Amino acid sequence: MSKSEKVTIASAVMVFACFCWTLLATENGDRIESSARRSYVFATFLKSDDIRLQIMGDTEVVLTGTVSEWSHRALAEEASGATPRVYFVFSQV
Protein backbone atom coordinates (compact mmCIF):
# COMPACT_ATOMS: atom_id res chain seq x y z
CA MET A 1 0.00 0.00 0.00
CA SER A 2 1.45 3.33 -1.02
CA LYS A 3 1.82 6.34 1.24
CA SER A 4 -0.94 8.29 -0.55
CA GLU A 5 -3.39 5.38 -0.10
CA LYS A 6 -2.60 5.28 3.63
CA VAL A 7 -3.18 9.02 3.90
CA THR A 8 -6.49 8.70 2.05
CA ILE A 9 -7.68 5.89 4.30
CA ALA A 10 -6.58 7.76 7.44
CA SER A 11 -8.42 10.87 6.26
CA ALA A 12 -11.59 8.88 5.56
CA VAL A 13 -11.44 7.30 9.02
CA MET A 14 -11.01 10.73 10.66
CA VAL A 15 -13.97 12.20 8.74
CA PHE A 16 -16.14 9.22 9.70
CA ALA A 17 -15.10 9.50 13.37
CA CYS A 18 -15.93 13.24 13.43
CA PHE A 19 -19.30 12.55 11.82
CA CYS A 20 -20.13 9.86 14.38
CA TRP A 21 -18.99 12.10 17.24
CA THR A 22 -21.26 14.90 15.99
CA LEU A 23 -24.24 12.55 15.83
CA LEU A 24 -23.48 11.26 19.32
CA ALA A 25 -23.17 14.79 20.71
CA THR A 26 -26.49 15.78 19.13
CA GLU A 27 -28.17 12.67 20.51
CA ASN A 28 -26.77 13.31 23.99
CA GLY A 29 -27.87 16.94 23.80
CA ASP A 30 -31.39 15.87 22.85
CA ARG A 31 -31.43 13.44 25.76
CA ILE A 32 -30.27 16.09 28.20
CA GLU A 33 -32.89 18.57 27.04
CA SER A 34 -35.77 16.08 27.05
CA SER A 35 -34.74 14.78 30.47
CA ALA A 36 -34.68 18.30 31.91
CA ARG A 37 -38.03 19.19 30.32
CA ARG A 38 -39.65 16.02 31.71
CA SER A 39 -38.41 16.68 35.22
CA TYR A 40 -40.96 17.40 37.92
CA VAL A 41 -39.70 20.95 38.41
CA PHE A 42 -40.01 21.91 34.74
CA ALA A 43 -43.36 20.14 34.33
CA THR A 44 -44.86 21.65 37.49
CA PHE A 45 -43.31 25.00 38.32
CA LEU A 46 -41.69 26.17 35.09
CA LYS A 47 -44.27 25.14 32.49
CA SER A 48 -45.55 28.71 31.98
CA ASP A 49 -42.06 30.26 31.82
CA ASP A 50 -40.19 30.86 28.58
CA ILE A 51 -36.96 28.98 29.30
CA ARG A 52 -34.76 27.75 26.48
CA LEU A 53 -32.01 25.20 26.98
CA GLN A 54 -28.97 25.20 24.72
CA ILE A 55 -26.69 22.21 25.07
CA MET A 56 -23.00 22.94 24.61
CA GLY A 57 -20.89 19.86 24.06
CA ASP A 58 -22.05 16.95 26.16
CA THR A 59 -21.91 18.43 29.64
CA GLU A 60 -22.88 22.11 29.56
CA VAL A 61 -26.31 23.74 29.53
CA VAL A 62 -26.97 27.40 28.79
CA LEU A 63 -30.34 28.69 30.03
CA THR A 64 -31.92 31.69 28.32
CA GLY A 65 -35.37 33.23 28.32
CA THR A 66 -37.62 34.77 30.93
CA VAL A 67 -39.29 33.59 34.12
CA SER A 68 -42.41 34.84 35.87
CA GLU A 69 -40.83 34.82 39.34
CA TRP A 70 -37.25 35.31 40.47
CA SER A 71 -37.28 32.01 42.37
CA HIS A 72 -37.98 30.17 39.10
CA ARG A 73 -34.51 31.10 37.88
CA ALA A 74 -32.92 29.10 40.69
CA LEU A 75 -35.35 26.23 40.11
CA ALA A 76 -34.39 26.08 36.42
CA GLU A 77 -30.68 26.12 37.27
CA GLU A 78 -31.02 23.36 39.85
CA ALA A 79 -33.28 21.18 37.69
CA SER A 80 -30.92 21.47 34.71
CA GLY A 81 -27.89 20.78 36.87
CA ALA A 82 -29.51 17.68 38.33
CA THR A 83 -29.94 16.17 34.87
CA PRO A 84 -27.60 13.22 34.24
CA ARG A 85 -24.33 14.08 32.44
CA VAL A 86 -24.67 17.83 33.06
CA TYR A 87 -21.69 19.29 34.89
CA PHE A 88 -22.02 23.04 34.15
CA VAL A 89 -25.09 25.28 33.96
CA PHE A 90 -24.75 28.84 32.70
CA SER A 91 -27.84 30.90 33.39
CA GLN A 92 -28.68 33.92 31.28
CA VAL A 93 -32.30 33.97 32.48
C-alpha atoms as a PDB file:
ATOM      1  CA  MET A   1       0.000   0.000   0.000  1.00  0.00           C
ATOM      2  CA  SER A   2       1.447   3.329  -1.024  1.00  0.00           C
ATOM      3  CA  LYS A   3       1.818   6.336   1.235  1.00  0.00           C
ATOM      4  CA  SER A   4      -0.944   8.285  -0.555  1.00  0.00           C
ATOM      5  CA  GLU A   5      -3.390   5.385  -0.100  1.00  0.00           C
ATOM      6  CA  LYS A   6      -2.604   5.277   3.628  1.00  0.00           C
ATOM      7  CA  VAL A   7      -3.183   9.021   3.905  1.00  0.00           C
ATOM      8  CA  THR A   8      -6.492   8.705   2.046  1.00  0.00           C
ATOM      9  CA  ILE A   9      -7.680   5.892   4.296  1.00  0.00           C
ATOM     10  CA  ALA A  10      -6.581   7.765   7.437  1.00  0.00           C
ATOM     11  CA  SER A  11      -8.422  10.874   6.255  1.00  0.00           C
ATOM     12  CA  ALA A  12     -11.588   8.881   5.564  1.00  0.00           C
ATOM     13  CA  VAL A  13     -11.443   7.305   9.018  1.00  0.00           C
ATOM     14  CA  MET A  14     -11.012  10.725  10.660  1.00  0.00           C
ATOM     15  CA  VAL A  15     -13.967  12.198   8.742  1.00  0.00           C
ATOM     16  CA  PHE A  16     -16.137   9.218   9.701  1.00  0.00           C
ATOM     17  CA  ALA A  17     -15.098   9.501  13.368  1.00  0.00           C
ATOM     18  CA  CYS A  18     -15.926  13.237  13.428  1.00  0.00           C
ATOM     19  CA  PHE A  19     -19.303  12.553  11.816  1.00  0.00           C
ATOM     20  CA  CYS A  20     -20.130   9.860  14.384  1.00  0.00           C
ATOM     21  CA  TRP A  21     -18.987  12.103  17.241  1.00  0.00           C
ATOM     22  CA  THR A  22     -21.262  14.904  15.989  1.00  0.00           C
ATOM     23  CA  LEU A  23     -24.236  12.548  15.826  1.00  0.00           C
ATOM     24  CA  LEU A  24     -23.480  11.256  19.318  1.00  0.00           C
ATOM     25  CA  ALA A  25     -23.173  14.792  20.713  1.00  0.00           C
ATOM     26  CA  THR A  26     -26.485  15.777  19.125  1.00  0.00           C
ATOM     27  CA  GLU A  27     -28.166  12.670  20.509  1.00  0.00           C
ATOM     28  CA  ASN A  28     -26.771  13.313  23.994  1.00  0.00           C
ATOM     29  CA  GLY A  29     -27.874  16.942  23.800  1.00  0.00           C
ATOM     30  CA  ASP A  30     -31.387  15.871  22.852  1.00  0.00           C
ATOM     31  CA  ARG A  31     -31.429  13.435  25.759  1.00  0.00           C
ATOM     32  CA  ILE A  32     -30.272  16.088  28.205  1.00  0.00           C
ATOM     33  CA  GLU A  33     -32.886  18.572  27.037  1.00  0.00           C
ATOM     34  CA  SER A  34     -35.771  16.081  27.052  1.00  0.00           C
ATOM     35  CA  SER A  35     -34.739  14.782  30.465  1.00  0.00           C
ATOM     36  CA  ALA A  36     -34.679  18.300  31.912  1.00  0.00           C
ATOM     37  CA  ARG A  37     -38.028  19.187  30.316  1.00  0.00           C
ATOM     38  CA  ARG A  38     -39.653  16.019  31.711  1.00  0.00           C
ATOM     39  CA  SER A  39     -38.407  16.683  35.222  1.00  0.00           C
ATOM     40  CA  TYR A  40     -40.959  17.398  37.923  1.00  0.00           C
ATOM     41  CA  VAL A  41     -39.695  20.954  38.415  1.00  0.00           C
ATOM     42  CA  PHE A  42     -40.012  21.908  34.736  1.00  0.00           C
ATOM     43  CA  ALA A  43     -43.361  20.144  34.329  1.00  0.00           C
ATOM     44  CA  THR A  44     -44.862  21.649  37.489  1.00  0.00           C
ATOM     45  CA  PHE A  45     -43.306  25.001  38.321  1.00  0.00           C
ATOM     46  CA  LEU A  46     -41.685  26.174  35.092  1.00  0.00           C
ATOM     47  CA  LYS A  47     -44.265  25.137  32.490  1.00  0.00           C
ATOM     48  CA  SER A  48     -45.547  28.709  31.982  1.00  0.00           C
ATOM     49  CA  ASP A  49     -42.065  30.264  31.823  1.00  0.00           C
ATOM     50  CA  ASP A  50     -40.188  30.859  28.575  1.00  0.00           C
ATOM     51  CA  ILE A  51     -36.956  28.984  29.296  1.00  0.00           C
ATOM     52  CA  ARG A  52     -34.755  27.751  26.479  1.00  0.00           C
ATOM     53  CA  LEU A  53     -32.006  25.198  26.977  1.00  0.00           C
ATOM     54  CA  GLN A  54     -28.975  25.204  24.724  1.00  0.00           C
ATOM     55  CA  ILE A  55     -26.690  22.210  25.066  1.00  0.00           C
ATOM     56  CA  MET A  56     -22.998  22.943  24.605  1.00  0.00           C
ATOM     57  CA  GLY A  57     -20.889  19.861  24.056  1.00  0.00           C
ATOM     58  CA  ASP A  58     -22.048  16.954  26.164  1.00  0.00           C
ATOM     59  CA  THR A  59     -21.914  18.426  29.642  1.00  0.00           C
ATOM     60  CA  GLU A  60     -22.879  22.113  29.563  1.00  0.00           C
ATOM     61  CA  VAL A  61     -26.312  23.745  29.527  1.00  0.00           C
ATOM     62  CA  VAL A  62     -26.975  27.405  28.789  1.00  0.00           C
ATOM     63  CA  LEU A  63     -30.344  28.690  30.031  1.00  0.00           C
ATOM     64  CA  THR A  64     -31.921  31.690  28.318  1.00  0.00           C
ATOM     65  CA  GLY A  65     -35.367  33.234  28.321  1.00  0.00           C
ATOM     66  CA  THR A  66     -37.624  34.772  30.930  1.00  0.00           C
ATOM     67  CA  VAL A  67     -39.292  33.590  34.121  1.00  0.00           C
ATOM     68  CA  SER A  68     -42.411  34.836  35.866  1.00  0.00           C
ATOM     69  CA  GLU A  69     -40.828  34.821  39.336  1.00  0.00           C
ATOM     70  CA  TRP A  70     -37.246  35.310  40.473  1.00  0.00           C
ATOM     71  CA  SER A  71     -37.284  32.010  42.367  1.00  0.00           C
ATOM     72  CA  HIS A  72     -37.979  30.166  39.095  1.00  0.00           C
ATOM     73  CA  ARG A  73     -34.511  31.101  37.884  1.00  0.00           C
ATOM     74  CA  ALA A  74     -32.917  29.097  40.689  1.00  0.00           C
ATOM     75  CA  LEU A  75     -35.351  26.228  40.106  1.00  0.00           C
ATOM     76  CA  ALA A  76     -34.387  26.083  36.415  1.00  0.00           C
ATOM     77  CA  GLU A  77     -30.685  26.120  37.269  1.00  0.00           C
ATOM     78  CA  GLU A  78     -31.015  23.359  39.847  1.00  0.00           C
ATOM     79  CA  ALA A  79     -33.277  21.178  37.690  1.00  0.00           C
ATOM     80  CA  SER A  80     -30.923  21.472  34.709  1.00  0.00           C
ATOM     81  CA  GLY A  81     -27.887  20.778  36.869  1.00  0.00           C
ATOM     82  CA  ALA A  82     -29.512  17.676  38.329  1.00  0.00           C
ATOM     83  CA  THR A  83     -29.937  16.174  34.867  1.00  0.00           C
ATOM     84  CA  PRO A  84     -27.595  13.219  34.241  1.00  0.00           C
ATOM     85  CA  ARG A  85     -24.329  14.083  32.444  1.00  0.00           C
ATOM     86  CA  VAL A  86     -24.672  17.831  33.057  1.00  0.00           C
ATOM     87  CA  TYR A  87     -21.686  19.294  34.886  1.00  0.00           C
ATOM     88  CA  PHE A  88     -22.018  23.041  34.152  1.00  0.00           C
ATOM     89  CA  VAL A  89     -25.093  25.283  33.962  1.00  0.00           C
ATOM     90  CA  PHE A  90     -24.752  28.838  32.698  1.00  0.00           C
ATOM     91  CA  SER A  91     -27.843  30.903  33.391  1.00  0.00           C
ATOM     92  CA  GLN A  92     -28.685  33.919  31.281  1.00  0.00           C
ATOM     93  CA  VAL A  93     -32.295  33.972  32.478  1.00  0.00           C
END
